[in-house]
Amino acid sequence: EVHKIPCDLDWGYLHAAVKPRHVRELREFQARMARDYGYEALRWLEDGALREHVVTDAYPGALYESEGGHLHPLNYTLGLARAAQRAGVTIHQHSPALRIRRGQPATVVTRQGEINADFVVVGTNAHLGRLLPELKGRIMRAANYMVATEPLGDERAAQVLPRNDALSDANFVLDYYRLSADKRLIYGGEVSYNGREPRRLQRRMDAKIAQLFPPLKGVRIDYRWGGDVAITFNRAPDFGRLGSNVYYAQGYSGHGMALAGLAGRVMAESIAGQSERFDVFAAMPHRRFPGGEHLRTPLLVLATHFYKLRDRL
């Protein structure tokens, strides 16, 4: 709102149970949020009340959050970039950072040259590479995939998400979806840790959409894409500082659209001399993923297969 970014922001989010144990877990979560944090924006829905938000019989219940929502992530990011440029920031594209030399000032080495800075903020998340070896093993890179259907029109869109909410399910390897501004169903799910697209991805996504929403069986898929997220061992974001002037934030575990903005704010506050909120996040303990450089990914793949099997039970 401050920067007037046109990104199709709309409010309303559903966290849906897929099986009975999810119902217990979500109801306990609702009670804990109210009891421990005074957060009252969660409402339990089931049966007819739930179908007013999502027209499917797949979910025995869901938590509805009025203060959650969805937006167009690329347009939001481009809007942030324009706001930064208006504030005097210069953005250099196609100029990857190769390494950081510590010191006062710190030096960022790129292919085109070197930049000296009093403070460096590393916000590469899943694309950290070898830039900060100290952080190796604190995050795991994973690919997630999405499809966008043809425009459904108002009538068919109302047979899916009549109130234009976003939804994710409570499985460990979760699926999630929303409607775009032009009434496409944007559906995400599936995961890969080896950099290769899962086999029969299109067929699997088609089957999921048809199972949830029979009126959409055979709907045309216009777009398909994937992208990388960074996961931490405890699924909490990893904020920190190396020395006195190199800040980093990573490991949003699928929640980067909200948490990356929070990370930027608290890091900026810390650089400006007010570090209280940043220090709360930086103090959170983070375990490295087991297995070392060579076994880390195979072990995670095995663990994910276990949880996928558990999701089906």
C-alpha atoms as a PDB file:
ATOM      1  CA  GLU A   1       0.000   0.000   0.000  1.00  0.00           C
ATOM      2  CA  VAL A   2       2.825   2.420   0.832  1.00  0.00           C
ATOM      3  CA  HIS A   3       4.509   1.852  -2.544  1.00  0.00           C
ATOM      4  CA  LYS A   4       1.254   1.295  -4.473  1.00  0.00           C
ATOM      5  CA  ILE A   5       2.413  -2.022  -5.953  1.00  0.00           C
ATOM      6  CA  PRO A   6      -0.186  -3.568  -8.326  1.00  0.00           C
ATOM      7  CA  CYS A   7       0.088  -7.256  -7.404  1.00  0.00           C
ATOM      8  CA  ASP A   8      -3.516  -8.551  -7.179  1.00  0.00           C
ATOM      9  CA  LEU A   9      -3.461  -8.764  -3.382  1.00  0.00           C
ATOM     10  CA  ASP A  10      -6.523 -10.479  -1.928  1.00  0.00           C
ATOM     11  CA  TRP A  11      -7.267 -11.752   1.579  1.00  0.00           C
ATOM     12  CA  GLY A  12      -8.352 -15.182   2.787  1.00  0.00           C
ATOM     13  CA  TYR A  13      -6.325 -18.360   3.324  1.00  0.00           C
ATOM     14  CA  LEU A  14      -7.342 -21.953   4.104  1.00  0.00           C
ATOM     15  CA  HIS A  15      -5.112 -24.588   5.739  1.00  0.00           C
ATOM     16  CA  ALA A  16      -6.966 -27.788   4.932  1.00  0.00           C
ATOM     17  CA  ALA A  17      -6.970 -31.140   6.710  1.00  0.00           C
ATOM     18  CA  VAL A  18      -6.694 -34.174   4.454  1.00  0.00           C
ATOM     19  CA  LYS A  19      -7.177 -36.868   7.103  1.00  0.00           C
ATOM     20  CA  PRO A  20      -8.515 -37.116  10.684  1.00  0.00           C
ATOM     21  CA  ARG A  21      -5.153 -36.621  12.394  1.00  0.00           C
ATOM     22  CA  HIS A  22      -4.807 -33.314  10.546  1.00  0.00           C
ATOM     23  CA  VAL A  23      -8.103 -32.201  12.086  1.00  0.00           C
ATOM     24  CA  ARG A  24      -6.717 -32.794  15.573  1.00  0.00           C
ATOM     25  CA  GLU A  25      -3.431 -31.076  14.753  1.00  0.00           C
ATOM     26  CA  LEU A  26      -5.061 -28.010  13.219  1.00  0.00           C
ATOM     27  CA  ARG A  27      -7.588 -27.607  16.041  1.00  0.00           C
ATOM     28  CA  GLU A  28      -4.742 -27.854  18.566  1.00  0.00           C
ATOM     29  CA  PHE A  29      -2.798 -25.256  16.572  1.00  0.00           C
ATOM     30  CA  GLN A  30      -5.803 -22.913  16.581  1.00  0.00           C
ATOM     31  CA  ALA A  31      -6.172 -23.245  20.357  1.00  0.00           C
ATOM     32  CA  ARG A  32      -2.446 -22.733  20.953  1.00  0.00           C
ATOM     33  CA  MET A  33      -2.320 -19.585  18.813  1.00  0.00           C
ATOM     34  CA  ALA A  34      -5.247 -18.092  20.736  1.00  0.00           C
ATOM     35  CA  ARG A  35      -3.991 -19.161  24.167  1.00  0.00           C
ATOM     36  CA  ASP A  36      -0.287 -18.360  23.842  1.00  0.00           C
ATOM     37  CA  TYR A  37      -0.297 -15.448  21.393  1.00  0.00           C
ATOM     38  CA  GLY A  38      -3.779 -13.953  21.561  1.00  0.00           C
ATOM     39  CA  TYR A  39      -4.225 -14.576  17.827  1.00  0.00           C
ATOM     40  CA  GLU A  40      -7.933 -14.832  17.077  1.00  0.00           C
ATOM     41  CA  ALA A  41      -7.954 -14.613  13.261  1.00  0.00           C
ATOM     42  CA  LEU A  42      -8.264 -18.407  12.810  1.00  0.00           C
ATOM     43  CA  ARG A  43     -11.714 -19.930  12.342  1.00  0.00           C
ATOM     44  CA  TRP A  44     -12.493 -23.650  12.010  1.00  0.00           C
ATOM     45  CA  LEU A  45     -14.671 -24.585   9.014  1.00  0.00           C
ATOM     46  CA  GLU A  46     -16.233 -27.872   7.956  1.00  0.00           C
ATOM     47  CA  ASP A  47     -19.168 -29.223   5.936  1.00  0.00           C
ATOM     48  CA  GLY A  48     -21.309 -26.481   4.369  1.00  0.00           C
ATOM     49  CA  ALA A  49     -19.316 -23.627   5.876  1.00  0.00           C
ATOM     50  CA  LEU A  50     -16.152 -24.992   4.268  1.00  0.00           C
ATOM     51  CA  ARG A  51     -17.824 -25.492   0.878  1.00  0.00           C
ATOM     52  CA  GLU A  52     -18.623 -21.784   0.839  1.00  0.00           C
ATOM     53  CA  HIS A  53     -14.861 -21.305   0.462  1.00  0.00           C
ATOM     54  CA  VAL A  54     -13.700 -24.380  -1.516  1.00  0.00           C
ATOM     55  CA  VAL A  55     -16.076 -26.598  -3.496  1.00  0.00           C
ATOM     56  CA  THR A  56     -14.693 -30.095  -2.929  1.00  0.00           C
ATOM     57  CA  ASP A  57     -15.368 -33.065  -0.676  1.00  0.00           C
ATOM     58  CA  ALA A  58     -11.652 -33.766  -0.203  1.00  0.00           C
ATOM     59  CA  TYR A  59     -11.212 -32.020   3.143  1.00  0.00           C
ATOM     60  CA  PRO A  60     -12.856 -32.936   6.474  1.00  0.00           C
ATOM     61  CA  GLY A  61     -12.144 -29.426   7.723  1.00  0.00           C
ATOM     62  CA  ALA A  62      -9.881 -26.410   7.411  1.00  0.00           C
ATOM     63  CA  LEU A  63      -8.605 -23.418   9.320  1.00  0.00           C
ATOM     64  CA  TYR A  64      -9.646 -20.167   7.689  1.00  0.00           C
ATOM     65  CA  GLU A  65      -7.350 -17.199   8.284  1.00  0.00           C
ATOM     66  CA  SER A  66      -8.802 -13.825   7.423  1.00  0.00           C
ATOM     67  CA  GLU A  67      -5.443 -12.093   7.842  1.00  0.00           C
ATOM     68  CA  GLY A  68      -3.684 -14.411   5.385  1.00  0.00           C
ATOM     69  CA  GLY A  69      -3.947 -13.996   1.643  1.00  0.00           C
ATOM     70  CA  HIS A  70      -2.309 -14.243  -1.747  1.00  0.00           C
ATOM     71  CA  LEU A  71      -0.792 -12.049  -4.438  1.00  0.00           C
ATOM     72  CA  HIS A  72       1.063 -12.120  -7.766  1.00  0.00           C
ATOM     73  CA  PRO A  73       4.632 -12.807  -6.594  1.00  0.00           C
ATOM     74  CA  LEU A  74       6.504 -11.551  -9.662  1.00  0.00           C
ATOM     75  CA  ASN A  75       4.555  -8.297  -9.841  1.00  0.00           C
ATOM     76  CA  TYR A  76       5.162  -7.814  -6.109  1.00  0.00           C
ATOM     77  CA  THR A  77       8.899  -8.382  -6.572  1.00  0.00           C
ATOM     78  CA  LEU A  78       9.078  -5.999  -9.529  1.00  0.00           C
ATOM     79  CA  GLY A  79       7.190  -3.421  -7.483  1.00  0.00           C
ATOM     80  CA  LEU A  80       9.706  -3.732  -4.658  1.00  0.00           C
ATOM     81  CA  ALA A  81      12.530  -3.278  -7.167  1.00  0.00           C
ATOM     82  CA  ARG A  82      10.945  -0.086  -8.514  1.00  0.00           C
ATOM     83  CA  ALA A  83      10.469   1.223  -4.970  1.00  0.00           C
ATOM     84  CA  ALA A  84      14.124   0.504  -4.197  1.00  0.00           C
ATOM     85  CA  GLN A  85      15.233   2.323  -7.346  1.00  0.00           C
ATOM     86  CA  ARG A  86      13.125   5.348  -6.415  1.00  0.00           C
ATOM     87  CA  ALA A  87      14.943   5.348  -3.065  1.00  0.00           C
ATOM     88  CA  GLY A  88      18.317   5.524  -4.848  1.00  0.00           C
ATOM     89  CA  VAL A  89      19.259   1.831  -5.137  1.00  0.00           C
ATOM     90  CA  THR A  90      21.120   0.674  -8.257  1.00  0.00           C
ATOM     91  CA  ILE A  91      20.298  -2.897  -9.310  1.00  0.00           C
ATOM     92  CA  HIS A  92      22.944  -4.757 -11.324  1.00  0.00           C
ATOM     93  CA  GLN A  93      21.531  -7.757 -13.180  1.00  0.00           C
ATOM     94  CA  HIS A  94      23.660 -10.555 -14.690  1.00  0.00           C
ATOM     95  CA  SER A  95      26.448  -9.745 -12.243  1.00  0.00           C
ATOM     96  CA  PRO A  96      26.675 -12.713  -9.851  1.00  0.00           C
ATOM     97  CA  ALA A  97      28.643 -12.384  -6.629  1.00  0.00           C
ATOM     98  CA  LEU A  98      31.531 -14.871  -6.665  1.00  0.00           C
ATOM     99  CA  ARG A  99      32.938 -14.405  -3.178  1.00  0.00           C
ATOM    100  CA  ILE A 100      32.979 -12.047  -0.223  1.00  0.00           C
ATOM    101  CA  ARG A 101      36.189 -10.792   1.381  1.00  0.00           C
ATOM    102  CA  ARG A 102      35.645  -9.961   5.029  1.00  0.00           C
ATOM    103  CA  GLY A 103      36.883  -6.753   6.530  1.00  0.00           C
ATOM    104  CA  GLN A 104      36.010  -3.128   7.141  1.00  0.00           C
ATOM    105  CA  PRO A 105      34.730  -2.497   4.547  1.00  0.00           C
ATOM    106  CA  ALA A 106      33.729  -5.892   3.147  1.00  0.00           C
ATOM    107  CA  THR A 107      34.370  -6.568  -0.544  1.00  0.00           C
ATOM    108  CA  VAL A 108      32.002  -8.392  -2.886  1.00  0.00           C
ATOM    109  CA  VAL A 109      33.829  -9.832  -5.897  1.00  0.00           C
ATOM    110  CA  THR A 110      31.893 -10.169  -9.174  1.00  0.00           C
ATOM    111  CA  ARG A 111      32.960 -11.027 -12.724  1.00  0.00           C
ATOM    112  CA  GLN A 112      32.695  -7.368 -13.685  1.00  0.00           C
ATOM    113  CA  GLY A 113      34.518  -5.886 -10.718  1.00  0.00           C
ATOM    114  CA  GLU A 114      34.583  -5.435  -6.954  1.00  0.00           C
ATOM    115  CA  ILE A 115      32.259  -3.547  -4.615  1.00  0.00           C
ATOM    116  CA  ASN A 116      33.346  -2.258  -1.207  1.00  0.00           C
ATOM    117  CA  ALA A 117      30.590  -1.847   1.366  1.00  0.00           C
ATOM    118  CA  ASP A 118      30.293  -1.091   5.066  1.00  0.00           C
ATOM    119  CA  PHE A 119      27.588  -3.787   5.259  1.00  0.00           C
ATOM    120  CA  VAL A 120      26.728  -6.741   3.025  1.00  0.00           C
ATOM    121  CA  VAL A 121      23.340  -8.481   3.021  1.00  0.00           C
ATOM    122  CA  VAL A 122      23.245 -11.956   1.461  1.00  0.00           C
ATOM    123  CA  GLY A 123      19.702 -12.777   0.368  1.00  0.00           C
ATOM    124  CA  THR A 124      20.387 -15.578  -2.090  1.00  0.00           C
ATOM    125  CA  ASN A 125      18.318 -18.214  -0.233  1.00  0.00           C
ATOM    126  CA  ALA A 126      18.279 -21.435  -2.326  1.00  0.00           C
ATOM    127  CA  HIS A 127      20.939 -20.030  -4.661  1.00  0.00           C
ATOM    128  CA  LEU A 128      23.653 -19.513  -2.048  1.00  0.00           C
ATOM    129  CA  GLY A 129      26.075 -21.849  -3.831  1.00  0.00           C
ATOM    130  CA  ARG A 130      29.581 -21.519  -2.388  1.00  0.00           C
ATOM    131  CA  LEU A 131      29.300 -17.836  -1.526  1.00  0.00           C
ATOM    132  CA  LEU A 132      29.331 -18.404   2.257  1.00  0.00           C
ATOM    133  CA  PRO A 133      30.862 -21.832   3.025  1.00  0.00           C
ATOM    134  CA  GLU A 134      30.081 -21.370   6.741  1.00  0.00           C
ATOM    135  CA  LEU A 135      26.390 -21.792   5.967  1.00  0.00           C
ATOM    136  CA  LYS A 136      26.772 -25.030   4.036  1.00  0.00           C
ATOM    137  CA  GLY A 137      24.413 -27.678   5.331  1.00  0.00           C
ATOM    138  CA  ARG A 138      22.087 -25.259   7.145  1.00  0.00           C
ATOM    139  CA  ILE A 139      19.672 -25.259   4.213  1.00  0.00           C
ATOM    140  CA  MET A 140      18.574 -27.868   1.691  1.00  0.00           C
ATOM    141  CA  ARG A 141      17.645 -26.821  -1.824  1.00  0.00           C
ATOM    142  CA  ALA A 142      14.421 -28.316  -3.183  1.00  0.00           C
ATOM    143  CA  ALA A 143      12.473 -27.749  -6.388  1.00  0.00           C
ATOM    144  CA  ASN A 144       8.719 -27.254  -6.371  1.00  0.00           C
ATOM    145  CA  TYR A 145       6.412 -27.202  -9.383  1.00  0.00           C
ATOM    146  CA  MET A 146       3.304 -25.343 -10.496  1.00  0.00           C
ATOM    147  CA  VAL A 147       0.815 -25.332 -13.340  1.00  0.00           C
ATOM    148  CA  ALA A 148      -1.661 -22.704 -14.520  1.00  0.00           C
ATOM    149  CA  THR A 149      -4.865 -23.717 -16.267  1.00  0.00           C
ATOM    150  CA  GLU A 150      -6.617 -21.909 -19.049  1.00  0.00           C
ATOM    151  CA  PRO A 151      -8.833 -19.028 -17.829  1.00  0.00           C
ATOM    152  CA  LEU A 152     -11.851 -20.659 -16.183  1.00  0.00           C
ATOM    153  CA  GLY A 153     -14.267 -17.762 -16.395  1.00  0.00           C
ATOM    154  CA  ASP A 154     -16.420 -16.589 -13.517  1.00  0.00           C
ATOM    155  CA  GLU A 155     -18.795 -19.580 -13.487  1.00  0.00           C
ATOM    156  CA  ARG A 156     -16.182 -22.350 -13.374  1.00  0.00           C
ATOM    157  CA  ALA A 157     -13.951 -20.373 -10.993  1.00  0.00           C
ATOM    158  CA  ALA A 158     -16.896 -20.157  -8.587  1.00  0.00           C
ATOM    159  CA  GLN A 159     -17.072 -23.979  -8.652  1.00  0.00           C
ATOM    160  CA  VAL A 160     -13.542 -24.071  -7.217  1.00  0.00           C
ATOM    161  CA  LEU A 161     -12.825 -21.137  -4.890  1.00  0.00           C
ATOM    162  CA  PRO A 162     -15.995 -19.015  -4.742  1.00  0.00           C
ATOM    163  CA  ARG A 163     -14.478 -16.490  -2.318  1.00  0.00           C
ATOM    164  CA  ASN A 164     -11.092 -16.314  -4.050  1.00  0.00           C
ATOM    165  CA  ASP A 165      -9.144 -17.698  -1.095  1.00  0.00           C
ATOM    166  CA  ALA A 166      -5.755 -19.389  -1.297  1.00  0.00           C
ATOM    167  CA  LEU A 167      -5.411 -22.924   0.080  1.00  0.00           C
ATOM    168  CA  SER A 168      -2.697 -25.352   1.117  1.00  0.00           C
ATOM    169  CA  ASP A 169      -3.223 -28.791   2.591  1.00  0.00           C
ATOM    170  CA  ALA A 170      -1.699 -30.197   5.779  1.00  0.00           C
ATOM    171  CA  ASN A 171       0.335 -32.984   4.184  1.00  0.00           C
ATOM    172  CA  PHE A 172       4.110 -32.994   4.705  1.00  0.00           C
ATOM    173  CA  VAL A 173       4.618 -32.842   0.920  1.00  0.00           C
ATOM    174  CA  LEU A 174       1.792 -30.406   0.463  1.00  0.00           C
ATOM    175  CA  ASP A 175      -0.296 -29.174  -2.449  1.00  0.00           C
ATOM    176  CA  TYR A 176      -1.494 -25.570  -2.684  1.00  0.00           C
ATOM    177  CA  TYR A 177      -3.498 -23.458  -5.088  1.00  0.00           C
ATOM    178  CA  ARG A 178      -5.287 -20.180  -5.755  1.00  0.00           C
ATOM    179  CA  LEU A 179      -6.999 -18.319  -8.571  1.00  0.00           C
ATOM    180  CA  SER A 180      -5.162 -15.704 -10.597  1.00  0.00           C
ATOM    181  CA  ALA A 181      -6.681 -12.335 -11.440  1.00  0.00           C
ATOM    182  CA  ASP A 182      -7.730 -13.695 -14.860  1.00  0.00           C
ATOM    183  CA  LYS A 183      -9.416 -16.724 -13.209  1.00  0.00           C
ATOM    184  CA  ARG A 184      -6.801 -19.383 -13.908  1.00  0.00           C
ATOM    185  CA  LEU A 185      -6.311 -22.087 -11.296  1.00  0.00           C
ATOM    186  CA  ILE A 186      -2.661 -21.949 -10.240  1.00  0.00           C
ATOM    187  CA  TYR A 187      -1.821 -25.289  -8.646  1.00  0.00           C
ATOM    188  CA  GLY A 188       1.443 -26.194  -6.923  1.00  0.00           C
ATOM    189  CA  GLY A 189       2.850 -29.412  -5.583  1.00  0.00           C
ATOM    190  CA  GLU A 190       5.370 -32.210  -6.099  1.00  0.00           C
ATOM    191  CA  VAL A 191       8.991 -31.837  -5.057  1.00  0.00           C
ATOM    192  CA  SER A 192      12.428 -32.792  -6.365  1.00  0.00           C
ATOM    193  CA  TYR A 193      15.819 -32.739  -4.642  1.00  0.00           C
ATOM    194  CA  ASN A 194      17.985 -33.843  -7.563  1.00  0.00           C
ATOM    195  CA  GLY A 195      17.326 -30.979  -9.966  1.00  0.00           C
ATOM    196  CA  ARG A 196      15.266 -33.147 -12.334  1.00  0.00           C
ATOM    197  CA  GLU A 197      11.556 -32.710 -12.928  1.00  0.00           C
ATOM    198  CA  PRO A 198       9.532 -35.598 -11.457  1.00  0.00           C
ATOM    199  CA  ARG A 199       8.388 -38.232 -13.933  1.00  0.00           C
ATOM    200  CA  ARG A 200       4.900 -37.803 -15.400  1.00  0.00           C
ATOM    201  CA  LEU A 201       4.581 -34.442 -13.648  1.00  0.00           C
ATOM    202  CA  GLN A 202       1.886 -33.119 -15.984  1.00  0.00           C
ATOM    203  CA  ARG A 203      -0.207 -36.284 -15.664  1.00  0.00           C
ATOM    204  CA  ARG A 204       0.067 -36.252 -11.878  1.00  0.00           C
ATOM    205  CA  MET A 205      -0.958 -32.612 -11.605  1.00  0.00           C
ATOM    206  CA  ASP A 206      -3.893 -33.173 -13.986  1.00  0.00           C
ATOM    207  CA  ALA A 207      -5.051 -36.106 -11.860  1.00  0.00           C
ATOM    208  CA  LYS A 208      -4.869 -34.098  -8.632  1.00  0.00           C
ATOM    209  CA  ILE A 209      -6.908 -31.227 -10.066  1.00  0.00           C
ATOM    210  CA  ALA A 210      -9.552 -33.603 -11.467  1.00  0.00           C
ATOM    211  CA  GLN A 211      -9.800 -35.507  -8.183  1.00  0.00           C
ATOM    212  CA  LEU A 212     -10.322 -32.330  -6.169  1.00  0.00           C
ATOM    213  CA  PHE A 213     -12.590 -30.597  -8.669  1.00  0.00           C
ATOM    214  CA  PRO A 214     -14.421 -33.009 -11.037  1.00  0.00           C
ATOM    215  CA  PRO A 215     -15.855 -30.121 -13.128  1.00  0.00           C
ATOM    216  CA  LEU A 216     -12.253 -29.310 -14.124  1.00  0.00           C
ATOM    217  CA  LYS A 217     -11.450 -32.778 -15.478  1.00  0.00           C
ATOM    218  CA  GLY A 218      -9.698 -32.300 -18.816  1.00  0.00           C
ATOM    219  CA  VAL A 219      -9.089 -28.577 -18.264  1.00  0.00           C
ATOM    220  CA  ARG A 220      -6.294 -27.250 -20.451  1.00  0.00           C
ATOM    221  CA  ILE A 221      -2.956 -26.484 -18.801  1.00  0.00           C
ATOM    222  CA  ASP A 222      -1.457 -23.370 -20.378  1.00  0.00           C
ATOM    223  CA  TYR A 223       1.724 -23.003 -18.318  1.00  0.00           C
ATOM    224  CA  ARG A 224       4.020 -25.191 -16.234  1.00  0.00           C
ATOM    225  CA  TRP A 225       7.131 -24.169 -14.312  1.00  0.00           C
ATOM    226  CA  GLY A 226       9.301 -24.971 -11.331  1.00  0.00           C
ATOM    227  CA  GLY A 227      11.520 -23.113  -8.912  1.00  0.00           C
ATOM    228  CA  ASP A 228      13.807 -23.684  -5.964  1.00  0.00           C
ATOM    229  CA  VAL A 229      13.073 -23.149  -2.292  1.00  0.00           C
ATOM    230  CA  ALA A 230      15.474 -23.455   0.648  1.00  0.00           C
ATOM    231  CA  ILE A 231      14.417 -25.614   3.582  1.00  0.00           C
ATOM    232  CA  THR A 232      15.891 -25.587   7.082  1.00  0.00           C
ATOM    233  CA  PHE A 233      15.971 -28.615   9.365  1.00  0.00           C
ATOM    234  CA  ASN A 234      13.369 -27.130  11.729  1.00  0.00           C
ATOM    235  CA  ARG A 235      11.464 -25.235   8.973  1.00  0.00           C
ATOM    236  CA  ALA A 236      12.122 -21.902  10.732  1.00  0.00           C
ATOM    237  CA  PRO A 237      13.969 -19.148   8.814  1.00  0.00           C
ATOM    238  CA  ASP A 238      17.709 -18.825   9.387  1.00  0.00           C
ATOM    239  CA  PHE A 239      18.805 -15.215  10.046  1.00  0.00           C
ATOM    240  CA  GLY A 240      22.311 -14.364  11.150  1.00  0.00           C
ATOM    241  CA  ARG A 241      25.430 -12.228  10.993  1.00  0.00           C
ATOM    242  CA  LEU A 242      28.987 -13.266  10.146  1.00  0.00           C
ATOM    243  CA  GLY A 243      31.397 -10.941  11.863  1.00  0.00           C
ATOM    244  CA  SER A 244      30.037  -7.461  12.396  1.00  0.00           C
ATOM    245  CA  ASN A 245      28.964  -6.517   8.886  1.00  0.00           C
ATOM    246  CA  VAL A 246      27.859  -9.523   6.772  1.00  0.00           C
ATOM    247  CA  TYR A 247      24.172 -10.304   7.279  1.00  0.00           C
ATOM    248  CA  TYR A 248      22.256 -13.225   5.813  1.00  0.00           C
ATOM    249  CA  ALA A 249      18.697 -14.537   5.724  1.00  0.00           C
ATOM    250  CA  GLN A 250      17.699 -17.844   4.184  1.00  0.00           C
ATOM    251  CA  GLY A 251      15.671 -21.018   4.627  1.00  0.00           C
ATOM    252  CA  TYR A 252      12.132 -19.655   4.386  1.00  0.00           C
ATOM    253  CA  SER A 253      10.906 -23.218   3.726  1.00  0.00           C
ATOM    254  CA  GLY A 254       8.235 -22.191   1.237  1.00  0.00           C
ATOM    255  CA  HIS A 255       7.097 -19.009   3.016  1.00  0.00           C
ATOM    256  CA  GLY A 256       9.506 -16.583   1.377  1.00  0.00           C
ATOM    257  CA  MET A 257       6.954 -14.097   0.058  1.00  0.00           C
ATOM    258  CA  ALA A 258       6.087 -13.100   3.617  1.00  0.00           C
ATOM    259  CA  LEU A 259       9.262 -13.939   5.521  1.00  0.00           C
ATOM    260  CA  ALA A 260      11.764 -12.382   3.105  1.00  0.00           C
ATOM    261  CA  GLY A 261      10.110  -9.001   3.568  1.00  0.00           C
ATOM    262  CA  LEU A 262      10.290  -9.439   7.326  1.00  0.00           C
ATOM    263  CA  ALA A 263      13.957 -10.445   7.012  1.00  0.00           C
ATOM    264  CA  GLY A 264      14.755  -7.318   5.034  1.00  0.00           C
ATOM    265  CA  ARG A 265      13.074  -5.091   7.600  1.00  0.00           C
ATOM    266  CA  VAL A 266      14.808  -6.539  10.668  1.00  0.00           C
ATOM    267  CA  MET A 267      18.214  -6.611   8.945  1.00  0.00           C
ATOM    268  CA  ALA A 268      17.789  -2.973   7.919  1.00  0.00           C
ATOM    269  CA  GLU A 269      16.860  -2.100  11.504  1.00  0.00           C
ATOM    270  CA  SER A 270      19.975  -3.869  12.776  1.00  0.00           C
ATOM    271  CA  ILE A 271      22.248  -2.108  10.293  1.00  0.00           C
ATOM    272  CA  ALA A 272      20.690   1.187  11.432  1.00  0.00           C
ATOM    273  CA  GLY A 273      21.562   0.347  15.045  1.00  0.00           C
ATOM    274  CA  GLN A 274      18.307  -1.188  16.307  1.00  0.00           C
ATOM    275  CA  SER A 275      19.048  -4.914  16.416  1.00  0.00           C
ATOM    276  CA  GLU A 276      16.561  -6.169  19.013  1.00  0.00           C
ATOM    277  CA  ARG A 277      14.149  -7.814  16.571  1.00  0.00           C
ATOM    278  CA  PHE A 278      16.922  -9.189  14.370  1.00  0.00           C
ATOM    279  CA  ASP A 279      18.645 -10.702  17.401  1.00  0.00           C
ATOM    280  CA  VAL A 280      15.484 -12.638  18.313  1.00  0.00           C
ATOM    281  CA  PHE A 281      15.619 -14.464  14.976  1.00  0.00           C
ATOM    282  CA  ALA A 282      19.409 -14.790  14.944  1.00  0.00           C
ATOM    283  CA  ALA A 283      19.315 -16.520  18.347  1.00  0.00           C
ATOM    284  CA  MET A 284      17.157 -19.374  17.060  1.00  0.00           C
ATOM    285  CA  PRO A 285      19.201 -22.614  16.979  1.00  0.00           C
ATOM    286  CA  HIS A 286      19.572 -24.336  13.600  1.00  0.00           C
ATOM    287  CA  ARG A 287      20.879 -27.848  13.054  1.00  0.00           C
ATOM    288  CA  ARG A 288      22.737 -28.799   9.912  1.00  0.00           C
ATOM    289  CA  PHE A 289      21.231 -31.487   7.744  1.00  0.00           C
ATOM    290  CA  PRO A 290      22.993 -34.809   8.407  1.00  0.00           C
ATOM    291  CA  GLY A 291      25.024 -36.720   5.852  1.00  0.00           C
ATOM    292  CA  GLY A 292      27.720 -34.286   4.799  1.00  0.00           C
ATOM    293  CA  GLU A 293      28.177 -33.027   1.250  1.00  0.00           C
ATOM    294  CA  HIS A 294      27.723 -36.405  -0.456  1.00  0.00           C
ATOM    295  CA  LEU A 295      25.011 -38.118   1.616  1.00  0.00           C
ATOM    296  CA  ARG A 296      22.896 -35.116   2.614  1.00  0.00           C
ATOM    297  CA  THR A 297      20.635 -35.142  -0.447  1.00  0.00           C
ATOM    298  CA  PRO A 298      20.146 -38.950  -0.621  1.00  0.00           C
ATOM    299  CA  LEU A 299      19.204 -39.007   3.068  1.00  0.00           C
ATOM    300  CA  LEU A 300      16.693 -36.209   2.565  1.00  0.00           C
ATOM    301  CA  VAL A 301      15.178 -38.013  -0.426  1.00  0.00           C
ATOM    302  CA  LEU A 302      14.729 -41.140   1.718  1.00  0.00           C
ATOM    303  CA  ALA A 303      13.135 -39.111   4.515  1.00  0.00           C
ATOM    304  CA  THR A 304      10.796 -37.411   2.051  1.00  0.00           C
ATOM    305  CA  HIS A 305       9.690 -40.772   0.639  1.00  0.00           C
ATOM    306  CA  PHE A 306       8.853 -41.843   4.193  1.00  0.00           C
ATOM    307  CA  TYR A 307       6.720 -38.756   4.774  1.00  0.00           C
ATOM    308  CA  LYS A 308       5.053 -39.125   1.363  1.00  0.00           C
ATOM    309  CA  LEU A 309       4.063 -42.648   2.379  1.00  0.00           C
ATOM    310  CA  ARG A 310       2.814 -41.301   5.722  1.00  0.00           C
ATOM    311  CA  ASP A 311       0.751 -38.687   3.862  1.00  0.00           C
ATOM    312  CA  ARG A 312      -1.058 -41.521   2.061  1.00  0.00           C
ATOM    313  CA  LEU A 313      -1.908 -43.437   5.239  1.00  0.00           C
END
